[in-house]
C-alpha atoms as a PDB file:
ATOM      1  CA  UNK A   1       0.143   0.131  -0.097  1.00  0.00           C
ATOM      2  CA  UNK A   2       1.462   3.418  -1.168  1.00  0.00           C
ATOM      3  CA  UNK A   3       1.659   6.475   0.827  1.00  0.00           C
ATOM      4  CA  UNK A   4       1.502   4.893   4.329  1.00  0.00           C
ATOM      5  CA  UNK A   5       1.858   7.810   6.879  1.00  0.00           C
ATOM      6  CA  UNK A   6       1.302   5.506  10.173  1.00  0.00           C
ATOM      7  CA  UNK A   7      -0.066   2.635  11.427  1.00  0.00           C
ATOM      8  CA  UNK A   8      -1.399   0.476  14.779  1.00  0.00           C
ATOM      9  CA  UNK A   9      -2.355  -2.610  15.175  1.00  0.00           C
ATOM     10  CA  UNK A  10      -4.846  -2.197  18.253  1.00  0.00           C
ATOM     11  CA  UNK A  11      -4.001  -5.739  19.671  1.00  0.00           C
ATOM     12  CA  UNK A  12      -5.656  -9.212  19.706  1.00  0.00           C
ATOM     13  CA  UNK A  13      -7.047 -10.581  23.140  1.00  0.00           C
ATOM     14  CA  UNK A  14      -7.537 -13.822  24.282  1.00  0.00           C
ATOM     15  CA  UNK A  15     -11.149 -14.464  25.404  1.00  0.00           C
ATOM     16  CA  UNK A  16     -12.140 -15.550  28.781  1.00  0.00           C
ATOM     17  CA  UNK A  17     -15.684 -16.378  30.344  1.00  0.00           C
ATOM     18  CA  UNK A  18     -16.783 -15.500  34.561  1.00  0.00           C
ATOM     19  CA  UNK A  19     -16.322 -18.943  35.698  1.00  0.00           C
ATOM     20  CA  UNK A  20     -17.133 -18.075  39.602  1.00  0.00           C
ATOM     21  CA  UNK A  21     -19.432 -20.881  40.901  1.00  0.00           C
ATOM     22  CA  UNK A  22     -21.056 -20.391  44.334  1.00  0.00           C
ATOM     23  CA  UNK A  23     -18.689 -22.402  45.843  1.00  0.00           C
ATOM     24  CA  UNK A  24     -15.839 -20.419  44.759  1.00  0.00           C
ATOM     25  CA  UNK A  25     -13.693 -19.767  48.092  1.00  0.00           C
ATOM     26  CA  UNK A  26     -12.763 -15.458  48.639  1.00  0.00           C
ATOM     27  CA  UNK A  27     -13.511 -12.320  47.265  1.00  0.00           C
ATOM     28  CA  UNK A  28     -12.094 -13.198  43.890  1.00  0.00           C
ATOM     29  CA  UNK A  29     -13.913 -13.861  40.617  1.00  0.00           C
ATOM     30  CA  UNK A  30     -11.958 -16.829  38.552  1.00  0.00           C
ATOM     31  CA  UNK A  31     -12.168 -16.294  34.868  1.00  0.00           C
ATOM     32  CA  UNK A  32     -11.534 -19.379  32.366  1.00  0.00           C
ATOM     33  CA  UNK A  33     -10.632 -19.187  28.754  1.00  0.00           C
ATOM     34  CA  UNK A  34     -12.719 -19.883  25.889  1.00  0.00           C
ATOM     35  CA  UNK A  35     -10.076 -21.008  23.200  1.00  0.00           C
ATOM     36  CA  UNK A  36     -10.908 -18.332  20.882  1.00  0.00           C
ATOM     37  CA  UNK A  37      -8.687 -15.130  20.134  1.00  0.00           C
ATOM     38  CA  UNK A  38     -10.064 -11.944  19.108  1.00  0.00           C
ATOM     39  CA  UNK A  39      -7.539 -10.712  16.204  1.00  0.00           C
ATOM     40  CA  UNK A  40      -8.299  -7.005  16.753  1.00  0.00           C
ATOM     41  CA  UNK A  41      -7.896  -4.226  14.036  1.00  0.00           C
ATOM     42  CA  UNK A  42      -5.427  -2.961  11.864  1.00  0.00           C
ATOM     43  CA  UNK A  43      -5.882   1.088  11.459  1.00  0.00           C
ATOM     44  CA  UNK A  44      -3.434   2.877   9.181  1.00  0.00           C
ATOM     45  CA  UNK A  45      -3.676   6.435   7.824  1.00  0.00           C
ATOM     46  CA  UNK A  46      -2.521   7.123   3.972  1.00  0.00           C
ATOM     47  CA  UNK A  47      -2.011  10.388   1.867  1.00  0.00           C
ATOM     48  CA  UNK A  48      -5.265   9.550  -0.461  1.00  0.00           C
ATOM     49  CA  UNK A  49      -4.849   9.318  -4.095  1.00  0.00           C
ATOM     50  CA  UNK A  50      -7.890   8.773  -5.704  1.00  0.00           C
ATOM     51  CA  UNK A  51      -6.124   7.752  -8.719  1.00  0.00           C
ATOM     52  CA  UNK A  52      -3.588   4.916  -7.179  1.00  0.00           C
ATOM     53  CA  UNK A  53      -4.699   1.317  -7.845  1.00  0.00           C
ATOM     54  CA  UNK A  54      -3.743   0.133  -4.462  1.00  0.00           C
ATOM     55  CA  UNK A  55      -6.016   3.075  -2.884  1.00  0.00           C
ATOM     56  CA  UNK A  56      -9.039   2.133  -5.317  1.00  0.00           C
ATOM     57  CA  UNK A  57      -8.646  -1.243  -4.576  1.00  0.00           C
ATOM     58  CA  UNK A  58      -9.587   0.027  -0.737  1.00  0.00           C
ATOM     59  CA  UNK A  59     -12.502   1.565  -1.843  1.00  0.00           C
ATOM     60  CA  UNK A  60     -13.742  -1.462  -3.888  1.00  0.00           C
ATOM     61  CA  UNK A  61     -13.635  -3.202  -0.823  1.00  0.00           C
ATOM     62  CA  UNK A  62     -16.664  -0.879   0.478  1.00  0.00           C
ATOM     63  CA  UNK A  63     -18.321  -1.350  -2.674  1.00  0.00           C
ATOM     64  CA  UNK A  64     -17.824  -5.253  -2.827  1.00  0.00           C
ATOM     65  CA  UNK A  65     -17.615  -6.418   0.455  1.00  0.00           C
ATOM     66  CA  UNK A  66     -14.860  -9.348   0.427  1.00  0.00           C
ATOM     67  CA  UNK A  67     -11.861 -10.876   2.492  1.00  0.00           C
ATOM     68  CA  UNK A  68      -8.089  -9.429   1.638  1.00  0.00           C
ATOM     69  CA  UNK A  69      -5.002 -11.268   2.705  1.00  0.00           C
ATOM     70  CA  UNK A  70      -2.595  -8.511   3.449  1.00  0.00           C
ATOM     71  CA  UNK A  71       1.128  -8.416   4.142  1.00  0.00           C
ATOM     72  CA  UNK A  72       3.661  -6.336   6.171  1.00  0.00           C
ATOM     73  CA  UNK A  73       7.154  -6.410   5.956  1.00  0.00           C
ATOM     74  CA  UNK A  74       9.543  -4.650   8.796  1.00  0.00           C
ATOM     75  CA  UNK A  75      12.504  -2.775   8.091  1.00  0.00           C
ATOM     76  CA  UNK A  76      14.414  -5.136  10.217  1.00  0.00           C
ATOM     77  CA  UNK A  77      17.746  -7.203   8.864  1.00  0.00           C
ATOM     78  CA  UNK A  78      14.981 -10.095   8.368  1.00  0.00           C
ATOM     79  CA  UNK A  79      12.958  -8.568   6.825  1.00  0.00           C
ATOM     80  CA  UNK A  80      10.347 -10.278   8.953  1.00  0.00           C
ATOM     81  CA  UNK A  81       6.484 -10.360   7.468  1.00  0.00           C
ATOM     82  CA  UNK A  82       3.378 -10.830   9.151  1.00  0.00           C
ATOM     83  CA  UNK A  83       0.141 -12.083   7.292  1.00  0.00           C
ATOM     84  CA  UNK A  84      -3.697 -11.275   7.931  1.00  0.00           C
ATOM     85  CA  UNK A  85      -6.805 -11.303   6.428  1.00  0.00           C
ATOM     86  CA  UNK A  86      -9.120  -8.448   6.581  1.00  0.00           C
ATOM     87  CA  UNK A  87     -13.058  -9.174   6.930  1.00  0.00           C
ATOM     88  CA  UNK A  88     -14.272  -5.945   6.703  1.00  0.00           C
ATOM     89  CA  UNK A  89     -13.038  -2.545   6.075  1.00  0.00           C
ATOM     90  CA  UNK A  90     -13.824   1.078   7.276  1.00  0.00           C
ATOM     91  CA  UNK A  91     -12.828   4.118   5.225  1.00  0.00           C
ATOM     92  CA  UNK A  92     -12.718   8.108   5.757  1.00  0.00           C
ATOM     93  CA  UNK A  93     -11.052  10.798   4.447  1.00  0.00           C
ATOM     94  CA  UNK A  94      -9.915  14.420   4.833  1.00  0.00           C
ATOM     95  CA  UNK A  95      -8.394  17.305   3.773  1.00  0.00           C
ATOM     96  CA  UNK A  96      -7.017  20.638   5.264  1.00  0.00           C
ATOM     97  CA  UNK A  97      -4.731  23.062   4.045  1.00  0.00           C
ATOM     98  CA  UNK A  98      -1.374  22.635   4.549  1.00  0.00           C
ATOM     99  CA  UNK A  99      -1.893  18.955   4.972  1.00  0.00           C
ATOM    100  CA  UNK A 100      -2.591  17.462   1.864  1.00  0.00           C
ATOM    101  CA  UNK A 101      -5.715  15.064   1.236  1.00  0.00           C
ATOM    102  CA  UNK A 102      -5.758  12.013   3.712  1.00  0.00           C
ATOM    103  CA  UNK A 103      -7.474   8.847   4.590  1.00  0.00           C
ATOM    104  CA  UNK A 104      -7.890   6.910   7.487  1.00  0.00           C
ATOM    105  CA  UNK A 105      -8.203   2.831   6.529  1.00  0.00           C
ATOM    106  CA  UNK A 106      -9.550   0.319   9.338  1.00  0.00           C
ATOM    107  CA  UNK A 107      -9.435  -3.364   8.484  1.00  0.00           C
ATOM    108  CA  UNK A 108     -11.175  -6.030  10.687  1.00  0.00           C
ATOM    109  CA  UNK A 109      -8.901  -8.935  11.354  1.00  0.00           C
ATOM    110  CA  UNK A 110     -10.926 -12.444  10.593  1.00  0.00           C
ATOM    111  CA  UNK A 111      -8.706 -14.548  13.028  1.00  0.00           C
ATOM    112  CA  UNK A 112      -5.066 -13.958  13.920  1.00  0.00           C
ATOM    113  CA  UNK A 113      -2.330 -12.146  12.311  1.00  0.00           C
ATOM    114  CA  UNK A 114       0.675 -14.371  11.594  1.00  0.00           C
ATOM    115  CA  UNK A 115       3.061 -12.750  13.771  1.00  0.00           C
ATOM    116  CA  UNK A 116       6.401 -12.987  12.790  1.00  0.00           C
ATOM    117  CA  UNK A 117       8.697 -15.080  15.465  1.00  0.00           C
END
């Protein structure tokens, strides 16, 4: 994706449930794992150019929703990569004098990100 100015992954989280029972001793609540993990969201900001094919591909996901595979390549000595599939997309854009046309893109992960290890 061209012209990314910043990105973030809001984090994955292992899902739990309240496993406290009437005979639990002490005041502490007990939790247990469901066996699932929420993948979270991946968000990024771009200098938006509606003529770029990569930027058009994002808006195409709004008009024709589909899962999409994304790959992140880090600039370490590897280089390391992480991949994920998005199930949903959000898109908004703003323009400001002396700041250009920017867009904020949000991707809802389906499953988990493939973390580099």
